[in-house]
Amino acid sequence: QVQIVESGGGLVQAGGSLRLSCTASGTTFTINTIGWYRQAPGKRRELVATINNNSGAGYADSVKGRFTISRDPGKNTVHLQMNSLRPEDTAVYYCHVPPLRWDESDYWGQGTQVIVST
């Protein structure tokens, strides 16, 4: 069983920055892919960014050039640096780990709130 702990959310003015962190524990393996999703009120959960264990990263078009996902080498700890924040980035941000075995489900963190004020 994987446990996920997130931190770093908060309230920030438009144009500001926040850094989210996620640590996945409960496995001795280096997890291949860890991602960040977000869900705004009344909207579906959407992918924000992912990173694999070779630090290959992918981003949603809406955050490209503003957000950077990174990973502590050899660890299951991932960070999301969010710059030039906009009010539309307001959401609950969730860290995600795909199933590690065929009989597992997706793993999600508890979520961390990000609010960007005008």
C-alpha atoms as a PDB file:
ATOM      1  CA  GLN A   1       0.000   0.000   0.000  1.00  0.00           C
ATOM      2  CA  VAL A   2       1.284   3.406  -0.966  1.00  0.00           C
ATOM      3  CA  GLN A   3       0.697   6.383   1.262  1.00  0.00           C
ATOM      4  CA  ILE A   4       0.881   9.885  -0.178  1.00  0.00           C
ATOM      5  CA  VAL A   5       1.444  13.070   1.770  1.00  0.00           C
ATOM      6  CA  GLU A   6       1.191  16.476   0.117  1.00  0.00           C
ATOM      7  CA  SER A   7       2.141  19.899   1.377  1.00  0.00           C
ATOM      8  CA  GLY A   8       2.597  23.465   0.218  1.00  0.00           C
ATOM      9  CA  GLY A   9      -0.808  24.793  -0.739  1.00  0.00           C
ATOM     10  CA  GLY A  10      -2.132  28.146   0.344  1.00  0.00           C
ATOM     11  CA  LEU A  11      -3.420  31.546  -0.659  1.00  0.00           C
ATOM     12  CA  VAL A  12      -1.444  33.702  -3.053  1.00  0.00           C
ATOM     13  CA  GLN A  13      -2.088  36.762  -5.187  1.00  0.00           C
ATOM     14  CA  ALA A  14      -2.204  36.504  -8.954  1.00  0.00           C
ATOM     15  CA  GLY A  15       1.300  36.526 -10.356  1.00  0.00           C
ATOM     16  CA  GLY A  16       2.723  34.899  -7.273  1.00  0.00           C
ATOM     17  CA  SER A  17       4.316  31.510  -6.717  1.00  0.00           C
ATOM     18  CA  LEU A  18       3.760  28.402  -4.648  1.00  0.00           C
ATOM     19  CA  ARG A  19       5.640  25.129  -4.355  1.00  0.00           C
ATOM     20  CA  LEU A  20       3.829  21.880  -3.710  1.00  0.00           C
ATOM     21  CA  SER A  21       5.540  18.740  -2.492  1.00  0.00           C
ATOM     22  CA  CYS A  22       4.454  15.115  -2.512  1.00  0.00           C
ATOM     23  CA  THR A  23       6.057  12.119  -0.867  1.00  0.00           C
ATOM     24  CA  ALA A  24       4.917   8.593  -1.616  1.00  0.00           C
ATOM     25  CA  SER A  25       5.879   5.931   0.914  1.00  0.00           C
ATOM     26  CA  GLY A  26       5.055   2.309   1.596  1.00  0.00           C
ATOM     27  CA  THR A  27       7.094   0.793  -1.191  1.00  0.00           C
ATOM     28  CA  THR A  28      10.750  -0.079  -1.491  1.00  0.00           C
ATOM     29  CA  PHE A  29      10.689   0.539  -5.230  1.00  0.00           C
ATOM     30  CA  THR A  30      11.261   3.772  -7.080  1.00  0.00           C
ATOM     31  CA  ILE A  31       7.861   4.593  -8.508  1.00  0.00           C
ATOM     32  CA  ASN A  32       8.047   5.099 -12.239  1.00  0.00           C
ATOM     33  CA  THR A  33       5.549   7.914 -12.696  1.00  0.00           C
ATOM     34  CA  ILE A  34       4.157  10.404 -10.196  1.00  0.00           C
ATOM     35  CA  GLY A  35       1.774  13.131 -11.197  1.00  0.00           C
ATOM     36  CA  TRP A  36      -0.174  16.161 -10.047  1.00  0.00           C
ATOM     37  CA  TYR A  37      -3.838  16.631 -10.826  1.00  0.00           C
ATOM     38  CA  ARG A  38      -6.192  19.412  -9.822  1.00  0.00           C
ATOM     39  CA  GLN A  39      -9.904  19.851  -9.396  1.00  0.00           C
ATOM     40  CA  ALA A  40     -11.624  23.209  -9.353  1.00  0.00           C
ATOM     41  CA  PRO A  41     -15.146  23.640  -7.913  1.00  0.00           C
ATOM     42  CA  GLY A  42     -17.728  22.244 -10.288  1.00  0.00           C
ATOM     43  CA  LYS A  43     -15.119  20.890 -12.678  1.00  0.00           C
ATOM     44  CA  ARG A  44     -13.611  17.515 -13.414  1.00  0.00           C
ATOM     45  CA  ARG A  45     -10.242  16.519 -12.085  1.00  0.00           C
ATOM     46  CA  GLU A  46      -7.561  17.270 -14.655  1.00  0.00           C
ATOM     47  CA  LEU A  47      -3.951  16.339 -15.177  1.00  0.00           C
ATOM     48  CA  VAL A  48      -1.452  19.091 -14.440  1.00  0.00           C
ATOM     49  CA  ALA A  49       1.961  17.467 -14.787  1.00  0.00           C
ATOM     50  CA  THR A  50       3.751  14.123 -14.547  1.00  0.00           C
ATOM     51  CA  ILE A  51       7.329  13.053 -14.074  1.00  0.00           C
ATOM     52  CA  ASN A  52       8.970   9.654 -14.463  1.00  0.00           C
ATOM     53  CA  ASN A  53      11.974   8.198 -12.695  1.00  0.00           C
ATOM     54  CA  ASN A  54      14.274   9.521 -15.424  1.00  0.00           C
ATOM     55  CA  SER A  55      12.890  13.018 -14.742  1.00  0.00           C
ATOM     56  CA  GLY A  56      11.052  13.066 -18.039  1.00  0.00           C
ATOM     57  CA  ALA A  57       8.161  15.489 -17.554  1.00  0.00           C
ATOM     58  CA  GLY A  58       4.868  16.315 -19.236  1.00  0.00           C
ATOM     59  CA  TYR A  59       2.530  19.252 -18.707  1.00  0.00           C
ATOM     60  CA  ALA A  60      -0.989  20.345 -19.457  1.00  0.00           C
ATOM     61  CA  ASP A  61      -1.047  23.115 -22.043  1.00  0.00           C
ATOM     62  CA  SER A  62      -2.608  25.466 -19.514  1.00  0.00           C
ATOM     63  CA  VAL A  63       0.453  25.354 -17.234  1.00  0.00           C
ATOM     64  CA  LYS A  64       3.324  24.998 -19.702  1.00  0.00           C
ATOM     65  CA  GLY A  65       5.985  27.627 -19.138  1.00  0.00           C
ATOM     66  CA  ARG A  66       4.609  28.484 -15.681  1.00  0.00           C
ATOM     67  CA  PHE A  67       4.777  25.232 -13.715  1.00  0.00           C
ATOM     68  CA  THR A  68       7.785  22.976 -13.268  1.00  0.00           C
ATOM     69  CA  ILE A  69       7.645  19.463 -11.884  1.00  0.00           C
ATOM     70  CA  SER A  70      10.787  17.980 -10.397  1.00  0.00           C
ATOM     71  CA  ARG A  71      11.856  14.937  -8.477  1.00  0.00           C
ATOM     72  CA  ASP A  72      14.394  14.243  -5.762  1.00  0.00           C
ATOM     73  CA  PRO A  73      16.888  11.821  -7.357  1.00  0.00           C
ATOM     74  CA  GLY A  74      16.213   8.201  -6.472  1.00  0.00           C
ATOM     75  CA  LYS A  75      13.303   9.123  -4.234  1.00  0.00           C
ATOM     76  CA  ASN A  76       9.537   9.069  -4.443  1.00  0.00           C
ATOM     77  CA  THR A  77       9.326  12.770  -3.651  1.00  0.00           C
ATOM     78  CA  VAL A  78       8.042  15.165  -6.259  1.00  0.00           C
ATOM     79  CA  HIS A  79       7.695  18.939  -6.280  1.00  0.00           C
ATOM     80  CA  LEU A  80       5.526  21.258  -8.334  1.00  0.00           C
ATOM     81  CA  GLN A  81       6.849  24.796  -8.634  1.00  0.00           C
ATOM     82  CA  MET A  82       4.010  27.048  -9.705  1.00  0.00           C
ATOM     83  CA  ASN A  83       4.901  30.514 -10.961  1.00  0.00           C
ATOM     84  CA  SER A  84       2.845  33.311 -12.516  1.00  0.00           C
ATOM     85  CA  LEU A  85      -0.238  31.930 -10.847  1.00  0.00           C
ATOM     86  CA  ARG A  86      -3.638  32.923 -12.174  1.00  0.00           C
ATOM     87  CA  PRO A  87      -7.075  32.886 -10.549  1.00  0.00           C
ATOM     88  CA  GLU A  88      -8.003  29.999 -12.843  1.00  0.00           C
ATOM     89  CA  ASP A  89      -5.286  27.903 -11.169  1.00  0.00           C
ATOM     90  CA  THR A  90      -7.427  27.887  -8.031  1.00  0.00           C
ATOM     91  CA  ALA A  91      -8.178  24.248  -7.220  1.00  0.00           C
ATOM     92  CA  VAL A  92      -7.448  21.378  -4.924  1.00  0.00           C
ATOM     93  CA  TYR A  93      -4.218  19.776  -6.101  1.00  0.00           C
ATOM     94  CA  TYR A  94      -3.777  16.031  -5.758  1.00  0.00           C
ATOM     95  CA  CYS A  95      -0.667  13.915  -6.031  1.00  0.00           C
ATOM     96  CA  HIS A  96      -1.207  10.688  -7.955  1.00  0.00           C
ATOM     97  CA  VAL A  97       0.564   7.352  -8.226  1.00  0.00           C
ATOM     98  CA  PRO A  98      -0.697   4.772 -10.717  1.00  0.00           C
ATOM     99  CA  PRO A  99      -1.271   1.191  -9.536  1.00  0.00           C
ATOM    100  CA  LEU A 100       2.006  -0.592  -8.884  1.00  0.00           C
ATOM    101  CA  ARG A 101       0.479  -4.050  -9.420  1.00  0.00           C
ATOM    102  CA  TRP A 102      -2.362  -5.358 -11.518  1.00  0.00           C
ATOM    103  CA  ASP A 103      -4.585  -5.827  -8.491  1.00  0.00           C
ATOM    104  CA  GLU A 104      -4.172  -2.323  -7.099  1.00  0.00           C
ATOM    105  CA  SER A 105      -6.059   0.885  -7.678  1.00  0.00           C
ATOM    106  CA  ASP A 106      -4.752   4.377  -8.262  1.00  0.00           C
ATOM    107  CA  TYR A 107      -3.272   6.109  -5.256  1.00  0.00           C
ATOM    108  CA  TRP A 108      -4.239   9.685  -4.401  1.00  0.00           C
ATOM    109  CA  GLY A 109      -3.124  12.123  -1.787  1.00  0.00           C
ATOM    110  CA  GLN A 110      -5.587  13.954   0.428  1.00  0.00           C
ATOM    111  CA  GLY A 111      -5.296  17.090  -1.672  1.00  0.00           C
ATOM    112  CA  THR A 112      -3.914  20.526  -0.929  1.00  0.00           C
ATOM    113  CA  GLN A 113      -5.867  23.710  -1.585  1.00  0.00           C
ATOM    114  CA  VAL A 114      -4.433  26.430  -3.808  1.00  0.00           C
ATOM    115  CA  ILE A 115      -6.289  29.730  -3.962  1.00  0.00           C
ATOM    116  CA  VAL A 116      -5.133  32.499  -6.276  1.00  0.00           C
ATOM    117  CA  SER A 117      -6.721  35.860  -5.607  1.00  0.00           C
ATOM    118  CA  THR A 118      -7.052  38.757  -8.022  1.00  0.00           C
END
